[in-house]
Amino acid sequence: MKERLYLFDTTLRDGQQTHGVQFSTEEKIRIAETLDSLGIDYIEGGWPGANPTDSAFFEARPETSATFTAFGMTKRAGRSAENDDVLAGVLNARTPAVCLVGKSHDFHVTEALGITLEENLENIAASFAHVVAQGREALYDAEHFFDGYKANPGYALACLRAAYDAGARWIVLCDTNGGTLPDEIGRIVREVIADGIPGDRLGIHCHDDTGNAVAGSLAAVDAGVRQVQGTLNGLGERCGNANLTTLIPTLILKEPYASRYQTGVTAEAVAGLTRASRMLDDILNRVPLRSAPYVGASAFTHKAGLHASAILKNPATYEHVRPSQVGNSRLIPMSNQAGQSNLRRRLAEAGLEVASGDPALGAILERIKENEAQGYTYDAAQASFELVARRELGTLPEFFEVKRYRVTVERRKNKRDRMVSLSEAVVVVKIGDEKHLSVSESIDAQGSDRGPVNALSKALMKDLGAYQQYIEDMKLVDFKVRITNGGTEAVTRVIIDTEDRAGNRWSTVGVSPNIVDASFEALLDAITWKLIRDGAPGIGALNRPVADLA
């Protein structure tokens, strides 16, 4: 029989303590529903009464299979638990579980709280007795526990015992400063269990200030804890918390955890992990971390020729799990390091079957090397690579032709006598026998100029005639610029990441001495690739009027 391991998510509280992060009530609801669909056991919604957003969220929180948890603190000294208004606010959220943070480091008790060690123990015991008497599942976040244990083990253990004896279901050992290393965590957890608090009543809460939050959490599991706390994408104060997008697949797919433990997350749910991770980044308007374990865009990317050749024979040669198990995908980038085996594999993934030894393979590789010598890179721009290959193979459809474009940037005073900039773009495209002229400014909803590239993008995608239906859900999600040469011969490389409504993401590259021109080239590739991917009919391949394309 596998032992039950419980997953506790604190994204809606710890995640909101991340610098620059502030969730709306609607966003918290969306995140909570996503966490619930994964099979998380506990969702901590925040601190009721601490701020208007958290209070509104508890009023509107969705129904979940996960145990919803309100966060707060133990009662204050000098008053009873029944008469502590802060504690009452937490209980009034009417969640089935309540997590209270309390000091377990003597230094923090005397310096931060300014009370005696005995008063702190009484606050812990009385608070949890009150929560349990209200019929709630109680969790004690033993703040600064590991530092406290190293400084005064007897007192740190007394704090745990006060909550445990008062009926707390979970005693959560917190590495609040994130400085305790995995070996220390494992040793101290074993000593806590030996002192009388069983592992199936213990949880672990690690911060990532040494980059060891996941390793520390696993060390705690190895030592006996049965609840693991963390956040989606590792959000959290300072360096973040233990990353559940790394912990979950490790616990479910990797040995010895896969054989020893059962969680609420099924294999089918794990396959939605990458989408969940990117959903959160989309809410935060962040670019997903490409190197993130399991869910990053580069997690299953194989660039070296020898690696890619081995992957063709057996993916297990360079992959520790199958990409599909976590909802990710394998990528064989194309660059001047590529061999023909890489190339054929990448072409096959794009639906282009080319026989081994076909002269076109050599022509494609030569073209890639020539382009990269000019500043292009296809390592991070796979959609542009595919267009290069199709052009050499003679399979690139013709959709539209850009006849001309113009971009202007004007700086002037507005009616408030403040200097502002205004970007405007004009684009003329030819589709079949028809010409389309589009004009667009780059002003956002707040009245700010978003720049010439944004104006150009809006103008180009404003009217593509019969192709408009294919591109309406395109959205620019990242824009990277690099100068590849210095001085007066500087060449600008622009890589654009684009996404559509279905969550598909692709990258394209443009190179020019002019940043706007390089951006426009990358943008054209992005649109062309989308039209090919969605099966839009090419003008040159059809013998009927443009109006029939829709």
Protein backbone atom coordinates (compact mmCIF):
# COMPACT_ATOMS: atom_id res chain seq x y z
CA MET A 1 0.00 0.00 0.00
CA LYS A 2 1.27 3.46 -0.91
CA GLU A 3 1.41 6.10 1.81
CA ARG A 4 -0.73 9.20 1.29
CA LEU A 5 1.19 12.40 0.65
CA TYR A 6 -0.77 15.66 0.81
CA LEU A 7 -0.08 18.72 -1.34
CA PHE A 8 -0.79 22.17 0.08
CA ASP A 9 -0.69 25.17 -2.27
CA THR A 10 0.02 28.71 -1.00
CA THR A 11 0.11 30.53 -4.36
CA LEU A 12 -2.83 32.77 -3.46
CA ARG A 13 -1.06 33.97 -0.30
CA ASP A 14 2.71 33.43 -0.55
CA GLY A 15 2.55 34.00 -4.30
CA GLN A 16 0.93 37.39 -3.76
CA GLN A 17 3.90 38.38 -1.60
CA THR A 18 6.12 38.19 -4.70
CA HIS A 19 7.52 41.57 -5.67
CA GLY A 20 5.35 43.03 -8.42
CA VAL A 21 2.51 40.52 -8.03
CA GLN A 22 -1.02 41.56 -7.08
CA PHE A 23 -3.91 39.24 -7.94
CA SER A 24 -7.42 40.48 -8.53
CA THR A 25 -10.35 38.56 -7.07
CA GLU A 26 -11.20 37.16 -10.51
CA GLU A 27 -7.61 36.04 -11.05
CA LYS A 28 -7.53 34.31 -7.66
CA ILE A 29 -10.71 32.43 -8.57
CA ARG A 30 -9.18 31.30 -11.87
CA ILE A 31 -5.99 30.13 -10.16
CA ALA A 32 -7.95 28.30 -7.46
CA GLU A 33 -10.01 26.46 -10.08
CA THR A 34 -6.83 25.46 -11.94
CA LEU A 35 -5.21 24.18 -8.75
CA ASP A 36 -8.33 22.20 -7.93
CA SER A 37 -8.38 20.62 -11.39
CA LEU A 38 -4.80 19.43 -10.81
CA GLY A 39 -5.87 17.60 -7.65
CA ILE A 40 -4.18 19.75 -4.99
CA ASP A 41 -5.37 18.70 -1.51
CA TYR A 42 -5.34 22.11 0.19
CA ILE A 43 -5.68 25.59 -1.31
CA GLU A 44 -4.73 28.45 0.97
CA GLY A 45 -6.77 31.45 -0.16
CA GLY A 46 -5.08 34.25 1.78
CA TRP A 47 -5.62 36.18 4.99
CA PRO A 48 -9.26 37.26 5.46
CA GLY A 49 -9.41 40.85 6.66
CA ALA A 50 -5.79 41.61 5.81
CA ASN A 51 -6.72 43.41 2.57
CA PRO A 52 -9.87 44.04 0.49
CA THR A 53 -8.88 41.56 -2.26
CA ASP A 54 -8.49 38.63 0.14
CA SER A 55 -11.73 39.47 1.92
CA ALA A 56 -13.60 39.70 -1.39
CA PHE A 57 -12.09 36.44 -2.56
CA PHE A 58 -13.33 34.49 0.46
CA GLU A 59 -16.81 35.84 -0.20
CA ALA A 60 -16.65 34.70 -3.85
CA ARG A 61 -14.38 31.66 -3.62
CA PRO A 62 -15.33 28.77 -5.87
CA GLU A 63 -16.51 25.39 -4.67
CA THR A 64 -13.58 23.00 -4.77
CA SER A 65 -12.75 19.39 -4.04
CA ALA A 66 -9.61 20.73 -2.37
CA THR A 67 -9.86 21.74 1.28
CA PHE A 68 -10.06 25.52 1.27
CA THR A 69 -7.90 27.11 3.94
CA ALA A 70 -7.85 30.57 5.50
CA PHE A 71 -4.56 31.93 6.85
CA GLY A 72 -4.03 34.01 9.96
CA MET A 73 -1.96 34.29 13.11
CA THR A 74 -2.22 33.00 16.63
CA LYS A 75 -3.99 35.23 19.12
CA ARG A 76 -2.23 38.19 20.60
CA ALA A 77 -0.97 38.23 24.17
CA GLY A 78 -3.18 39.82 26.79
CA ARG A 79 -6.52 38.69 25.34
CA SER A 80 -8.40 35.45 24.98
CA ALA A 81 -8.72 33.56 21.72
CA GLU A 82 -12.47 34.16 21.84
CA ASN A 83 -11.95 37.94 22.02
CA ASP A 84 -9.17 38.32 19.44
CA ASP A 85 -10.69 40.20 16.50
CA VAL A 86 -7.92 39.20 14.06
CA LEU A 87 -8.44 35.51 14.83
CA ALA A 88 -12.20 36.01 14.61
CA GLY A 89 -11.80 37.47 11.11
CA VAL A 90 -10.02 34.32 9.96
CA LEU A 91 -12.66 32.04 11.44
CA ASN A 92 -15.44 34.15 9.95
CA ALA A 93 -14.24 33.21 6.46
CA ARG A 94 -15.99 29.88 7.13
CA THR A 95 -13.35 27.71 5.50
CA PRO A 96 -13.13 24.05 6.50
CA ALA A 97 -9.45 24.49 7.43
CA VAL A 98 -7.54 27.26 9.18
CA CYS A 99 -3.78 27.73 9.11
CA LEU A 100 -2.29 29.90 11.86
CA VAL A 101 1.29 31.12 11.88
CA GLY A 102 3.07 31.32 15.20
CA LYS A 103 6.63 31.95 16.29
CA SER A 104 8.84 28.96 17.15
CA HIS A 105 12.19 30.78 17.40
CA ASP A 106 12.87 32.27 20.84
CA PHE A 107 14.74 35.22 19.27
CA HIS A 108 11.63 36.23 17.30
CA VAL A 109 9.37 35.82 20.32
CA THR A 110 11.33 38.22 22.50
CA GLU A 111 12.55 40.62 19.78
CA ALA A 112 9.76 40.72 17.18
CA LEU A 113 6.72 40.05 19.40
CA GLY A 114 8.18 41.53 22.58
CA ILE A 115 6.54 38.93 24.82
CA THR A 116 7.82 36.18 27.07
CA LEU A 117 8.47 32.65 25.86
CA GLU A 118 5.71 31.36 28.14
CA GLU A 119 3.19 33.86 26.74
CA ASN A 120 3.96 32.66 23.20
CA LEU A 121 3.34 29.03 24.19
CA GLU A 122 0.03 30.02 25.79
CA ASN A 123 -0.98 31.96 22.64
CA ILE A 124 -0.31 28.90 20.46
CA ALA A 125 -2.15 26.44 22.71
CA ALA A 126 -5.19 28.67 23.25
CA SER A 127 -5.49 29.58 19.56
CA PHE A 128 -5.53 26.01 18.35
CA ALA A 129 -7.86 24.83 21.08
CA HIS A 130 -10.28 27.56 19.94
CA VAL A 131 -10.00 26.68 16.23
CA VAL A 132 -10.53 22.98 16.93
CA ALA A 133 -13.52 23.76 19.15
CA GLN A 134 -15.07 25.55 16.15
CA GLY A 135 -14.92 22.28 14.21
CA ARG A 136 -12.17 23.40 11.82
CA GLU A 137 -9.17 21.44 10.63
CA ALA A 138 -6.22 23.28 12.15
CA LEU A 139 -2.69 23.74 10.78
CA TYR A 140 0.20 25.32 12.67
CA ASP A 141 2.80 27.11 10.53
CA ALA A 142 5.79 26.98 12.86
CA GLU A 143 7.50 30.12 11.60
CA HIS A 144 11.32 30.14 11.59
CA PHE A 145 11.25 26.62 12.99
CA PHE A 146 14.57 25.37 11.64
CA ASP A 147 16.50 28.46 12.75
CA GLY A 148 14.70 28.28 16.08
CA TYR A 149 15.52 24.59 16.48
CA LYS A 150 19.20 25.17 15.82
CA ALA A 151 19.25 28.04 18.35
CA ASN A 152 17.08 26.47 21.09
CA PRO A 153 15.76 23.00 20.21
CA GLY A 154 13.88 22.56 23.48
CA TYR A 155 11.82 25.69 23.00
CA ALA A 156 11.16 25.10 19.29
CA LEU A 157 9.86 21.62 20.11
CA ALA A 158 7.73 23.04 22.95
CA CYS A 159 6.00 25.32 20.42
CA LEU A 160 5.19 22.33 18.20
CA ARG A 161 3.94 20.37 21.19
CA ALA A 162 1.66 23.24 22.28
CA ALA A 163 -0.16 23.17 18.94
CA TYR A 164 -0.13 19.38 18.66
CA ASP A 165 -1.54 18.83 22.15
CA ALA A 166 -4.26 21.44 21.46
CA GLY A 167 -5.50 19.34 18.53
CA ALA A 168 -3.79 20.79 15.45
CA ARG A 169 -4.10 18.31 12.57
CA TRP A 170 -0.88 19.46 10.88
CA ILE A 171 2.34 20.81 12.35
CA VAL A 172 4.12 22.54 9.46
CA LEU A 173 7.87 23.03 9.84
CA CYS A 174 8.78 26.31 8.11
CA ASP A 175 12.20 27.25 6.77
CA THR A 176 11.06 30.85 6.66
CA ASN A 177 14.42 32.43 5.82
CA GLY A 178 15.23 29.72 3.27
CA GLY A 179 18.74 29.16 4.60
CA THR A 180 18.52 25.58 5.90
CA LEU A 181 20.17 23.01 3.65
CA PRO A 182 18.53 19.68 2.72
CA ASP A 183 20.71 17.50 4.96
CA GLU A 184 19.89 19.71 7.95
CA ILE A 185 16.19 19.58 7.16
CA GLY A 186 16.22 15.79 6.96
CA ARG A 187 18.11 15.43 10.23
CA ILE A 188 15.91 17.87 12.15
CA VAL A 189 12.68 16.31 10.84
CA ARG A 190 13.83 12.90 12.06
CA GLU A 191 14.59 14.38 15.48
CA VAL A 192 11.13 15.99 15.64
CA ILE A 193 9.52 12.63 14.89
CA ALA A 194 11.72 10.94 17.48
CA ASP A 195 10.52 13.51 20.02
CA GLY A 196 6.95 12.27 19.60
CA ILE A 197 5.21 14.08 16.77
CA PRO A 198 4.45 11.49 14.07
CA GLY A 199 5.35 12.12 10.44
CA ASP A 200 1.76 11.81 9.25
CA ARG A 201 1.03 14.96 11.29
CA LEU A 202 3.98 16.95 9.89
CA GLY A 203 4.28 19.26 6.91
CA ILE A 204 7.20 21.09 5.28
CA HIS A 205 7.27 24.70 4.04
CA CYS A 206 10.52 25.76 2.32
CA HIS A 207 11.67 29.04 0.84
CA ASP A 208 14.21 29.10 -1.98
CA ASP A 209 16.84 31.55 -0.77
CA THR A 210 19.66 29.02 -1.34
CA GLY A 211 18.00 27.45 -4.39
CA ASN A 212 17.24 24.34 -2.33
CA ALA A 213 13.50 24.64 -1.61
CA VAL A 214 12.56 21.62 -3.74
CA ALA A 215 15.51 19.56 -2.49
CA GLY A 216 14.71 20.53 1.11
CA SER A 217 11.08 19.52 0.66
CA LEU A 218 12.10 16.14 -0.75
CA ALA A 219 14.55 15.65 2.13
CA ALA A 220 11.69 16.29 4.55
CA VAL A 221 9.51 13.72 2.76
CA ASP A 222 12.36 11.21 2.94
CA ALA A 223 12.61 11.89 6.66
CA GLY A 224 8.90 11.31 7.25
CA VAL A 225 6.71 14.40 6.69
CA ARG A 226 3.49 13.73 4.81
CA GLN A 227 2.39 17.20 3.76
CA VAL A 228 4.34 19.32 1.27
CA GLN A 229 3.67 23.02 0.80
CA GLY A 230 4.65 25.15 -2.19
CA THR A 231 3.48 27.51 -4.91
CA LEU A 232 2.81 27.30 -8.61
CA ASN A 233 5.94 28.37 -10.55
CA GLY A 234 7.74 28.89 -7.24
CA LEU A 235 6.20 32.31 -6.58
CA GLY A 236 6.90 33.82 -3.20
CA GLU A 237 8.64 36.52 -1.24
CA ARG A 238 12.33 37.19 -1.98
CA CYS A 239 13.55 34.15 -3.95
CA GLY A 240 10.22 32.35 -3.84
CA ASN A 241 8.83 29.16 -2.32
CA ALA A 242 9.21 25.49 -3.17
CA ASN A 243 8.04 25.13 -6.77
CA LEU A 244 5.08 22.77 -7.10
CA THR A 245 5.53 22.54 -10.88
CA THR A 246 8.81 20.78 -10.08
CA LEU A 247 7.74 18.95 -6.93
CA ILE A 248 4.50 17.46 -8.29
CA PRO A 249 5.97 15.61 -11.29
CA THR A 250 8.99 14.56 -9.24
CA LEU A 251 6.78 12.99 -6.57
CA ILE A 252 4.52 11.31 -9.13
CA LEU A 253 6.92 10.29 -11.90
CA LYS A 254 10.28 9.72 -10.20
CA GLU A 255 11.44 6.90 -7.99
CA PRO A 256 11.37 6.13 -5.14
CA TYR A 257 8.46 8.55 -4.67
CA ALA A 258 6.28 7.15 -7.45
CA SER A 259 6.24 3.70 -5.82
CA ARG A 260 6.00 4.82 -2.21
CA TYR A 261 3.44 7.61 -2.24
CA GLN A 262 0.00 8.45 -3.52
CA THR A 263 -1.20 12.04 -4.00
CA GLY A 264 -4.44 13.59 -5.14
CA VAL A 265 -2.87 14.38 -8.51
CA THR A 266 -3.54 11.77 -11.19
CA ALA A 267 -1.33 11.00 -14.18
CA GLU A 268 -3.94 12.63 -16.39
CA ALA A 269 -3.87 15.79 -14.28
CA VAL A 270 -0.06 15.99 -14.42
CA ALA A 271 -0.39 16.25 -18.19
CA GLY A 272 -2.06 19.63 -17.61
CA LEU A 273 0.83 20.99 -15.53
CA THR A 274 2.54 22.92 -18.33
CA ARG A 275 -0.71 24.64 -19.28
CA ALA A 276 -1.34 25.53 -15.61
CA SER A 277 2.15 26.98 -15.30
CA ARG A 278 1.76 29.12 -18.40
CA MET A 279 -1.72 30.21 -17.36
CA LEU A 280 -0.21 31.75 -14.22
CA ASP A 281 2.52 33.47 -16.24
CA ASP A 282 -0.15 34.83 -18.56
CA ILE A 283 -2.09 36.28 -15.60
CA LEU A 284 1.11 37.92 -14.35
CA ASN A 285 2.06 39.10 -17.85
CA ARG A 286 5.40 37.32 -17.45
CA VAL A 287 7.45 35.46 -20.01
CA PRO A 288 7.60 31.77 -18.96
CA LEU A 289 11.02 30.66 -17.78
CA ARG A 290 12.36 28.57 -20.65
CA SER A 291 14.72 26.59 -18.42
CA ALA A 292 12.09 25.64 -15.83
CA PRO A 293 12.22 21.89 -15.05
CA TYR A 294 9.44 19.82 -16.64
CA VAL A 295 7.32 22.77 -17.88
CA GLY A 296 9.86 25.12 -19.49
CA ALA A 297 10.04 25.51 -23.27
CA SER A 298 13.64 24.25 -23.15
CA ALA A 299 13.02 21.38 -20.72
CA PHE A 300 12.98 18.85 -23.58
CA THR A 301 15.06 20.74 -26.15
CA HIS A 302 18.01 18.91 -27.72
CA LYS A 303 20.39 21.11 -29.67
CA ALA A 304 23.63 19.14 -29.92
CA GLY A 305 23.82 16.95 -33.00
CA LEU A 306 24.90 13.83 -31.09
CA HIS A 307 22.06 14.28 -28.61
CA ALA A 308 19.45 14.74 -31.31
CA SER A 309 20.73 11.73 -33.21
CA ALA A 310 20.38 9.58 -30.09
CA ILE A 311 16.90 11.00 -29.39
CA LEU A 312 15.82 9.80 -32.83
CA LYS A 313 16.77 6.26 -31.86
CA ASN A 314 15.37 6.32 -28.33
CA PRO A 315 14.15 9.44 -26.46
CA ALA A 316 15.17 7.90 -23.14
CA THR A 317 18.81 8.52 -24.05
CA TYR A 318 18.48 12.19 -23.09
CA GLU A 319 15.06 12.52 -21.44
CA HIS A 320 14.32 11.44 -17.88
CA VAL A 321 10.53 11.50 -18.46
CA ARG A 322 8.35 11.75 -21.55
CA PRO A 323 7.45 15.38 -22.36
CA SER A 324 3.79 14.44 -22.83
CA GLN A 325 3.59 13.25 -19.22
CA VAL A 326 3.75 16.86 -18.05
CA GLY A 327 1.96 18.39 -21.06
CA ASN A 328 5.17 19.62 -22.66
CA SER A 329 6.72 18.80 -26.03
CA ARG A 330 10.10 17.83 -27.44
CA LEU A 331 12.03 20.34 -29.53
CA ILE A 332 15.01 19.76 -31.82
CA PRO A 333 16.32 23.28 -32.54
CA MET A 334 17.94 24.06 -35.84
CA SER A 335 21.27 25.86 -35.92
CA ASN A 336 24.60 25.66 -37.66
CA GLN A 337 25.45 22.77 -35.31
CA ALA A 338 22.67 20.66 -36.78
CA GLY A 339 23.20 17.51 -38.79
CA GLN A 340 20.84 15.88 -41.28
CA SER A 341 19.31 13.62 -38.63
CA ASN A 342 18.31 16.71 -36.63
CA LEU A 343 16.99 18.32 -39.76
CA ARG A 344 14.87 15.38 -40.89
CA ARG A 345 13.41 15.00 -37.41
CA ARG A 346 12.51 18.68 -37.22
CA LEU A 347 11.02 18.64 -40.70
CA ALA A 348 8.95 15.57 -39.83
CA GLU A 349 7.58 17.34 -36.75
CA ALA A 350 6.48 20.14 -39.08
CA GLY A 351 4.76 17.64 -41.35
CA LEU A 352 7.50 17.73 -44.01
CA GLU A 353 8.75 14.27 -44.93
CA VAL A 354 12.10 14.39 -46.77
CA ALA A 355 13.93 11.20 -47.69
CA SER A 356 17.43 10.57 -46.36
CA GLY A 357 19.98 11.73 -48.90
CA ASP A 358 17.64 14.20 -50.61
CA PRO A 359 19.75 17.11 -51.95
CA ALA A 360 17.24 19.52 -50.41
CA LEU A 361 18.55 18.62 -46.95
CA GLY A 362 21.97 19.94 -47.81
CA ALA A 363 20.47 23.06 -49.34
CA ILE A 364 18.44 23.77 -46.20
CA LEU A 365 21.46 23.31 -43.93
CA GLU A 366 23.56 25.56 -46.16
CA ARG A 367 20.86 28.23 -46.10
CA ILE A 368 20.66 28.06 -42.30
CA LYS A 369 24.43 28.47 -41.99
CA GLU A 370 24.44 31.41 -44.42
CA ASN A 371 21.62 33.13 -42.56
CA GLU A 372 23.20 32.59 -39.16
CA ALA A 373 26.42 34.14 -40.47
CA GLN A 374 24.33 37.26 -41.15
CA GLY A 375 22.98 37.35 -37.59
CA TYR A 376 19.92 35.09 -37.71
CA THR A 377 19.39 32.38 -35.13
CA TYR A 378 16.99 29.48 -35.49
CA ASP A 379 17.85 27.93 -32.13
CA ALA A 380 15.11 30.04 -30.53
CA ALA A 381 13.00 30.74 -33.64
CA GLN A 382 11.63 27.42 -34.81
CA ALA A 383 8.75 28.88 -36.79
CA SER A 384 11.16 30.94 -38.92
CA PHE A 385 13.27 27.82 -39.46
CA GLU A 386 10.25 26.00 -40.81
CA LEU A 387 9.60 28.80 -43.29
CA VAL A 388 13.23 28.68 -44.46
CA ALA A 389 12.90 24.93 -45.00
CA ARG A 390 9.61 25.26 -46.86
CA ARG A 391 11.09 27.92 -49.09
CA GLU A 392 14.00 25.62 -50.06
CA LEU A 393 11.62 22.71 -50.57
CA GLY A 394 9.30 24.80 -52.71
CA THR A 395 6.34 24.20 -50.39
CA LEU A 396 5.91 27.71 -48.96
CA PRO A 397 2.46 29.02 -49.95
CA GLU A 398 2.01 32.62 -51.03
CA PHE A 399 -0.63 34.37 -48.97
CA PHE A 400 -0.04 38.09 -49.34
CA GLU A 401 2.62 40.55 -50.45
CA VAL A 402 3.69 43.65 -48.54
CA LYS A 403 3.98 46.46 -51.07
CA ARG A 404 5.20 49.08 -48.64
CA TYR A 405 5.03 50.29 -45.07
CA ARG A 406 5.84 53.50 -43.24
CA VAL A 407 6.31 54.20 -39.55
CA THR A 408 6.47 57.64 -37.97
CA VAL A 409 7.25 58.67 -34.41
CA GLU A 410 6.23 62.13 -33.32
CA ARG A 411 7.12 63.82 -30.06
CA ARG A 412 4.93 66.74 -29.05
CA LYS A 413 3.19 68.45 -26.16
CA ASN A 414 -0.29 67.32 -25.24
CA LYS A 415 -3.13 69.46 -23.94
CA ARG A 416 -1.64 69.24 -20.45
CA ASP A 417 1.61 70.74 -21.78
CA ARG A 418 3.48 67.45 -21.24
CA MET A 419 5.84 65.96 -23.80
CA VAL A 420 4.42 62.74 -25.22
CA SER A 421 5.28 60.46 -28.13
CA LEU A 422 2.94 59.09 -30.77
CA SER A 423 3.73 56.24 -33.16
CA GLU A 424 1.78 55.68 -36.36
CA ALA A 425 2.14 53.00 -39.04
CA VAL A 426 0.81 52.61 -42.56
CA VAL A 427 0.93 49.20 -44.27
CA VAL A 428 -0.12 48.32 -47.82
CA VAL A 429 -0.51 44.62 -48.67
CA LYS A 430 -1.62 42.91 -51.86
CA ILE A 431 -3.81 39.82 -51.65
CA GLY A 432 -4.42 38.39 -55.08
CA ASP A 433 -5.50 41.35 -57.18
CA GLU A 434 -6.65 43.43 -54.24
CA LYS A 435 -4.67 46.01 -52.28
CA HIS A 436 -5.41 46.72 -48.62
CA LEU A 437 -4.18 49.84 -46.82
CA SER A 438 -4.24 49.91 -43.04
CA VAL A 439 -3.31 52.70 -40.64
CA SER A 440 -2.86 52.31 -36.91
CA GLU A 441 -1.63 54.33 -33.95
CA SER A 442 0.04 52.72 -30.97
CA ILE A 443 -2.00 54.14 -28.13
CA ASP A 444 -3.12 51.82 -25.35
CA ALA A 445 -6.25 52.07 -23.21
CA GLN A 446 -4.46 54.39 -20.79
CA GLY A 447 -3.44 56.77 -23.59
CA SER A 448 0.24 55.78 -23.60
CA ASP A 449 2.30 55.19 -26.73
CA ARG A 450 3.35 51.53 -27.05
CA GLY A 451 5.97 52.24 -29.70
CA PRO A 452 6.50 51.93 -33.45
CA VAL A 453 6.68 48.13 -33.53
CA ASN A 454 3.32 47.89 -31.79
CA ALA A 455 1.83 50.36 -34.28
CA LEU A 456 3.24 48.33 -37.17
CA SER A 457 1.87 45.10 -35.73
CA LYS A 458 -1.60 46.57 -35.27
CA ALA A 459 -1.63 47.99 -38.79
CA LEU A 460 -0.48 44.76 -40.44
CA MET A 461 -3.03 42.64 -38.60
CA LYS A 462 -5.86 45.13 -39.02
CA ASP A 463 -6.98 44.01 -42.47
CA LEU A 464 -5.68 40.90 -44.20
CA GLY A 465 -8.84 40.37 -46.14
CA ALA A 466 -9.93 36.74 -46.30
CA TYR A 467 -7.03 35.77 -44.00
CA GLN A 468 -8.20 38.00 -41.16
CA GLN A 469 -10.16 35.18 -39.53
CA TYR A 470 -6.95 33.17 -39.06
CA ILE A 471 -4.96 35.87 -37.26
CA GLU A 472 -7.52 37.58 -35.03
CA ASP A 473 -6.49 35.55 -31.96
CA MET A 474 -2.75 36.22 -32.36
CA LYS A 475 -1.07 38.01 -29.47
CA LEU A 476 2.53 39.23 -29.12
CA VAL A 477 3.81 37.86 -25.79
CA ASP A 478 7.54 38.57 -25.88
CA PHE A 479 9.90 40.79 -27.82
CA LYS A 480 13.68 40.35 -27.57
CA VAL A 481 16.29 42.58 -29.22
CA ARG A 482 20.00 41.94 -29.57
CA ILE A 483 22.71 43.92 -31.34
CA THR A 484 24.95 41.34 -33.07
CA ASN A 485 27.70 43.70 -34.23
CA GLY A 486 28.99 46.91 -32.74
CA GLY A 487 29.75 50.37 -34.09
CA THR A 488 28.41 51.73 -37.36
CA GLU A 489 27.95 48.21 -38.76
CA ALA A 490 25.61 47.14 -36.00
CA VAL A 491 22.99 44.54 -36.95
CA THR A 492 19.83 44.15 -34.93
CA ARG A 493 18.27 40.76 -34.30
CA VAL A 494 14.67 40.64 -33.09
CA ILE A 495 12.94 37.52 -31.82
CA ILE A 496 9.18 37.65 -31.35
CA ASP A 497 7.16 35.13 -29.35
CA THR A 498 3.53 34.89 -30.42
CA GLU A 499 0.59 33.05 -28.86
CA ASP A 500 -2.97 32.28 -29.90
CA ARG A 501 -6.19 31.60 -28.04
CA ALA A 502 -5.52 27.85 -27.90
CA GLY A 503 -2.25 28.42 -26.01
CA ASN A 504 -0.02 27.61 -28.99
CA ARG A 505 3.25 29.58 -28.88
CA TRP A 506 5.80 30.09 -31.63
CA SER A 507 8.95 32.16 -32.17
CA THR A 508 10.19 34.01 -35.24
CA VAL A 509 13.31 36.03 -36.03
CA GLY A 510 14.14 39.09 -38.12
CA VAL A 511 17.53 40.71 -38.81
CA SER A 512 18.28 44.18 -40.15
CA PRO A 513 20.40 47.25 -39.35
CA ASN A 514 17.01 48.87 -38.60
CA ILE A 515 15.19 47.60 -35.49
CA VAL A 516 11.76 48.36 -36.95
CA ASP A 517 12.55 46.48 -40.16
CA ALA A 518 13.90 43.50 -38.21
CA SER A 519 10.74 43.50 -36.11
CA PHE A 520 8.55 43.66 -39.21
CA GLU A 521 10.35 40.66 -40.74
CA ALA A 522 9.79 38.61 -37.57
CA LEU A 523 6.16 39.70 -37.49
CA LEU A 524 5.62 38.64 -41.12
CA ASP A 525 7.07 35.22 -40.33
CA ALA A 526 4.77 34.90 -37.31
CA ILE A 527 1.68 35.59 -39.40
CA THR A 528 2.79 33.35 -42.28
CA TRP A 529 3.51 30.44 -39.94
CA LYS A 530 0.09 30.84 -38.28
CA LEU A 531 -1.64 30.74 -41.67
CA ILE A 532 0.24 27.56 -42.62
CA ARG A 533 -0.40 25.91 -39.26
CA ASP A 534 -4.13 26.65 -39.42
CA GLY A 535 -4.44 25.41 -43.00
CA ALA A 536 -5.17 28.71 -44.73
CA PRO A 537 -5.21 28.26 -48.53
CA GLY A 538 -2.41 29.98 -50.43
CA ILE A 539 -3.21 32.45 -53.22
CA GLY A 540 -0.84 30.86 -55.72
CA ALA A 541 -2.24 27.37 -55.17
CA LEU A 542 -5.82 28.36 -55.91
CA ASN A 543 -7.54 29.17 -59.15
CA ARG A 544 -10.46 31.05 -57.75
CA PRO A 545 -11.26 34.58 -56.56
CA VAL A 546 -9.84 35.86 -53.27
CA ALA A 547 -13.36 36.29 -51.90
CA ASP A 548 -13.82 32.50 -51.97
CA LEU A 549 -10.96 31.94 -49.48
CA ALA A 550 -13.05 32.78 -46.43
